[in-house]
């Protein structure tokens, strides 16, 4: 288990706003790889060597070359500015560890659903749980060199709402992983602005209703 951290990116004393993001998806889609590629510190990884005992419970279809697996979560960090820090949590992908997801989702600002287009069905559970918790998310298709699918085909296969961003990425590449996180942050900002606008409109409507109710009717 690798839990060492680097001193080359110490957290600034002025940082007081921690934003939690989770990376979820099926088994072997590249969640640990994404956290490793984008974290400014040496990430905490809870990877263990896969054994024959796990073959009976883990679906290795399409990931036969995988030799290690996350058994708790991955953790990384990105400094956004002097006051704000993004904390990344990578969730384990195997079904036997899904019970950990609800705890990881607690306090989460948003999520990245990382998918392998060769195994799209493996992503259904992650999307279902995020929707159940009301957690905003985007979908990122990790490049494994599989058959190409159009955006519409992927959206239909995952039953994605039109307002959920869908992007392509290479989880091994830092700039590509950063683009995914930027897309998520922009999506969260857009949702926040929309909610604020709806709240202002509702407040204005209520004020107008109260004003109308208080205005005396003209007498003839």
Protein backbone atom coordinates (compact mmCIF):
# COMPACT_ATOMS: atom_id res chain seq x y z
CA UNK A 1 0.00 0.00 0.00
CA UNK A 2 1.51 3.32 -1.11
CA UNK A 3 0.75 6.23 1.18
CA UNK A 4 3.85 8.41 0.99
CA UNK A 5 3.48 12.06 -0.01
CA UNK A 6 5.83 14.46 -1.74
CA UNK A 7 7.12 17.66 -0.12
CA UNK A 8 7.42 19.40 -3.49
CA UNK A 9 3.83 20.69 -3.33
CA UNK A 10 3.11 21.70 0.24
CA UNK A 11 -0.41 22.94 0.95
CA UNK A 12 -0.51 26.72 1.32
CA UNK A 13 -1.43 28.06 4.75
CA UNK A 14 -4.07 30.30 3.13
CA UNK A 15 -6.02 27.35 1.70
CA UNK A 16 -9.32 27.08 3.54
CA UNK A 17 -11.75 25.85 0.90
CA UNK A 18 -11.57 22.11 0.22
CA UNK A 19 -13.63 20.77 -2.69
CA UNK A 20 -14.22 17.02 -2.85
CA UNK A 21 -14.45 15.21 -6.20
CA UNK A 22 -14.84 11.46 -6.75
CA UNK A 23 -13.79 9.40 -9.76
CA UNK A 24 -16.01 6.35 -10.18
CA UNK A 25 -16.59 3.66 -12.77
CA UNK A 26 -16.29 -0.02 -13.47
CA UNK A 27 -13.40 -2.35 -12.73
CA UNK A 28 -10.19 -1.48 -14.61
CA UNK A 29 -11.41 1.69 -16.35
CA UNK A 30 -8.42 3.78 -15.20
CA UNK A 31 -9.56 5.55 -12.04
CA UNK A 32 -6.27 5.03 -10.18
CA UNK A 33 -4.36 6.04 -13.30
CA UNK A 34 -6.30 9.30 -13.59
CA UNK A 35 -5.72 10.25 -9.95
CA UNK A 36 -2.01 9.47 -10.32
CA UNK A 37 -1.63 11.44 -13.53
CA UNK A 38 -3.25 14.65 -12.31
CA UNK A 39 -2.39 14.85 -8.59
CA UNK A 40 0.20 17.48 -7.62
CA UNK A 41 1.28 15.30 -4.69
CA UNK A 42 2.31 11.69 -4.65
CA UNK A 43 -1.16 10.09 -4.37
CA UNK A 44 -2.28 7.68 -1.72
CA UNK A 45 -3.08 4.35 -3.38
CA UNK A 46 -4.65 1.33 -1.72
CA UNK A 47 -3.70 -1.10 -4.47
CA UNK A 48 -3.09 -4.75 -3.69
CA UNK A 49 -1.94 -7.60 -5.89
CA UNK A 50 -4.77 -9.61 -7.40
CA UNK A 51 -4.81 -13.29 -6.50
CA UNK A 52 -6.49 -16.40 -7.85
CA UNK A 53 -9.01 -16.18 -5.01
CA UNK A 54 -10.42 -13.03 -6.57
CA UNK A 55 -11.01 -14.62 -9.97
CA UNK A 56 -14.19 -16.24 -8.68
CA UNK A 57 -15.76 -12.90 -7.64
CA UNK A 58 -14.24 -10.28 -9.97
CA UNK A 59 -15.28 -10.00 -13.62
CA UNK A 60 -11.98 -9.92 -15.52
CA UNK A 61 -13.57 -9.76 -18.96
CA UNK A 62 -11.53 -7.27 -20.97
CA UNK A 63 -8.97 -6.70 -18.19
CA UNK A 64 -7.15 -10.04 -18.06
CA UNK A 65 -3.75 -8.31 -17.91
CA UNK A 66 -4.64 -6.39 -14.74
CA UNK A 67 -2.43 -7.49 -11.83
CA UNK A 68 -3.45 -5.10 -9.02
CA UNK A 69 -6.66 -3.53 -7.78
CA UNK A 70 -7.85 -0.75 -5.48
CA UNK A 71 -9.31 -2.15 -2.25
CA UNK A 72 -10.36 1.09 -0.51
CA UNK A 73 -9.81 4.33 -2.44
CA UNK A 74 -7.20 6.51 -4.15
CA UNK A 75 -6.52 10.05 -2.99
CA UNK A 76 -4.87 13.00 -4.71
CA UNK A 77 -4.82 16.79 -4.50
CA UNK A 78 -4.84 19.75 -6.87
CA UNK A 79 -4.43 23.38 -5.80
CA UNK A 80 -6.86 25.64 -7.67
CA UNK A 81 -5.74 28.95 -6.17
CA UNK A 82 -4.40 30.40 -2.90
CA UNK A 83 -7.60 29.53 -1.04
CA UNK A 84 -9.17 26.58 -2.87
CA UNK A 85 -7.97 22.98 -3.08
CA UNK A 86 -9.48 20.10 -5.02
CA UNK A 87 -9.38 16.72 -3.26
CA UNK A 88 -9.69 13.71 -5.56
CA UNK A 89 -11.01 10.33 -4.40
CA UNK A 90 -10.89 7.33 -6.71
CA UNK A 91 -13.48 4.67 -5.85
CA UNK A 92 -12.82 0.92 -6.15
CA UNK A 93 -14.46 -0.66 -9.16
CA UNK A 94 -15.24 -4.24 -8.12
CA UNK A 95 -18.78 -5.03 -7.05
CA UNK A 96 -17.59 -6.46 -3.71
CA UNK A 97 -16.31 -2.97 -2.75
CA UNK A 98 -19.36 -0.98 -3.82
CA UNK A 99 -20.50 -0.71 -0.21
CA UNK A 100 -17.73 1.91 0.22
CA UNK A 101 -19.19 4.21 -2.41
CA UNK A 102 -21.96 5.76 -0.30
CA UNK A 103 -19.37 6.91 2.24
CA UNK A 104 -17.11 8.30 -0.48
CA UNK A 105 -20.05 10.23 -1.96
CA UNK A 106 -20.71 12.00 1.37
CA UNK A 107 -19.83 15.69 1.02
CA UNK A 108 -18.93 15.31 -2.64
CA UNK A 109 -19.25 18.37 -4.86
CA UNK A 110 -19.37 16.35 -8.09
CA UNK A 111 -18.08 13.23 -9.83
CA UNK A 112 -16.35 11.93 -12.92
CA UNK A 113 -17.74 8.66 -14.28
CA UNK A 114 -14.83 7.08 -16.13
CA UNK A 115 -15.89 4.53 -18.73
CA UNK A 116 -14.31 2.00 -21.06
CA UNK A 117 -16.40 2.02 -24.24
CA UNK A 118 -15.66 -1.69 -24.72
CA UNK A 119 -17.55 -2.36 -21.45
CA UNK A 120 -20.19 0.38 -21.19
CA UNK A 121 -22.52 -1.74 -19.06
CA UNK A 122 -19.94 -1.65 -16.25
CA UNK A 123 -20.74 2.05 -15.78
CA UNK A 124 -24.48 1.72 -15.17
CA UNK A 125 -24.18 1.17 -11.42
CA UNK A 126 -21.97 4.24 -10.93
CA UNK A 127 -24.43 6.47 -12.79
CA UNK A 128 -27.37 4.97 -10.90
CA UNK A 129 -25.78 5.62 -7.49
CA UNK A 130 -24.82 9.20 -8.37
CA UNK A 131 -28.34 9.94 -9.56
CA UNK A 132 -29.70 8.34 -6.39
CA UNK A 133 -27.55 10.67 -4.26
CA UNK A 134 -28.33 13.68 -6.46
CA UNK A 135 -24.61 14.17 -7.16
CA UNK A 136 -23.80 16.13 -10.35
CA UNK A 137 -21.43 14.30 -12.69
CA UNK A 138 -19.85 14.19 -16.11
CA UNK A 139 -18.84 11.14 -18.16
CA UNK A 140 -15.31 10.68 -19.51
CA UNK A 141 -14.52 7.93 -22.03
CA UNK A 142 -11.01 6.61 -21.41
CA UNK A 143 -9.11 5.65 -24.55
CA UNK A 144 -8.35 1.93 -24.59
CA UNK A 145 -8.13 1.70 -28.38
CA UNK A 146 -11.46 -0.11 -28.66
CA UNK A 147 -14.11 0.28 -31.36
CA UNK A 148 -15.20 3.85 -32.00
CA UNK A 149 -18.67 4.94 -30.95
CA UNK A 150 -20.48 8.16 -31.72
CA UNK A 151 -21.44 10.46 -28.89
CA UNK A 152 -25.10 9.67 -29.53
CA UNK A 153 -24.47 5.91 -29.30
CA UNK A 154 -22.70 6.32 -25.95
CA UNK A 155 -25.42 8.61 -24.59
CA UNK A 156 -28.11 6.13 -25.59
CA UNK A 157 -26.19 3.16 -24.14
CA UNK A 158 -25.76 4.97 -20.80
CA UNK A 159 -29.17 6.68 -20.92
CA UNK A 160 -27.51 10.03 -20.28
CA UNK A 161 -29.46 13.23 -19.89
CA UNK A 162 -28.63 15.79 -22.63
CA UNK A 163 -27.26 18.19 -20.00
CA UNK A 164 -24.61 15.72 -18.74
CA UNK A 165 -21.24 16.57 -20.39
CA UNK A 166 -19.55 13.72 -22.26
CA UNK A 167 -15.83 13.97 -23.08
CA UNK A 168 -13.01 11.75 -24.32
CA UNK A 169 -9.73 11.41 -22.44
CA UNK A 170 -6.52 9.49 -21.90
CA UNK A 171 -6.27 8.92 -18.14
CA UNK A 172 -2.50 8.40 -18.45
CA UNK A 173 -2.00 11.94 -19.70
CA UNK A 174 -1.94 14.77 -17.14
CA UNK A 175 -3.27 17.45 -19.49
CA UNK A 176 -6.10 15.18 -20.63
CA UNK A 177 -7.08 14.37 -17.04
CA UNK A 178 -6.93 18.07 -16.14
CA UNK A 179 -9.30 18.81 -19.03
CA UNK A 180 -11.77 16.29 -17.59
CA UNK A 181 -11.67 17.97 -14.18
CA UNK A 182 -11.98 21.44 -15.73
CA UNK A 183 -15.06 20.23 -17.60
CA UNK A 184 -16.56 18.98 -14.34
CA UNK A 185 -15.83 22.24 -12.49
CA UNK A 186 -17.36 24.27 -15.34
CA UNK A 187 -20.42 22.00 -15.27
CA UNK A 188 -20.80 22.48 -11.52
CA UNK A 189 -20.45 26.24 -11.92
CA UNK A 190 -23.13 26.30 -14.63
CA UNK A 191 -25.48 24.30 -12.40
CA UNK A 192 -24.82 26.68 -9.49
CA UNK A 193 -25.57 29.73 -11.64
CA UNK A 194 -28.76 28.12 -12.94
CA UNK A 195 -29.92 27.28 -9.41
CA UNK A 196 -29.19 30.83 -8.25
CA UNK A 197 -31.15 32.23 -11.20
CA UNK A 198 -34.10 29.96 -10.48
CA UNK A 199 -34.04 30.96 -6.81
CA UNK A 200 -33.98 34.67 -7.71
CA UNK A 201 -36.87 34.18 -10.14
CA UNK A 202 -38.89 32.32 -7.50
CA UNK A 203 -38.17 35.03 -4.94
CA UNK A 204 -39.20 37.75 -7.36
CA UNK A 205 -42.38 35.85 -8.17
CA UNK A 206 -43.21 35.49 -4.49
CA UNK A 207 -42.59 39.18 -3.87
CA UNK A 208 -44.85 40.11 -6.77
CA UNK A 209 -47.60 37.84 -5.44
CA UNK A 210 -47.34 39.38 -1.97
CA UNK A 211 -47.39 42.89 -3.41
CA UNK A 212 -50.45 42.10 -5.49
CA UNK A 213 -52.25 40.62 -2.51
CA UNK A 214 -51.52 43.69 -0.41
CA UNK A 215 -52.64 46.23 -3.05
CA UNK A 216 -56.21 47.34 -2.30
CA UNK A 217 -58.75 46.87 -5.07
CA UNK A 218 -59.98 50.15 -6.59
CA UNK A 219 -63.42 51.30 -5.48
CA UNK A 220 -66.04 52.32 -7.97
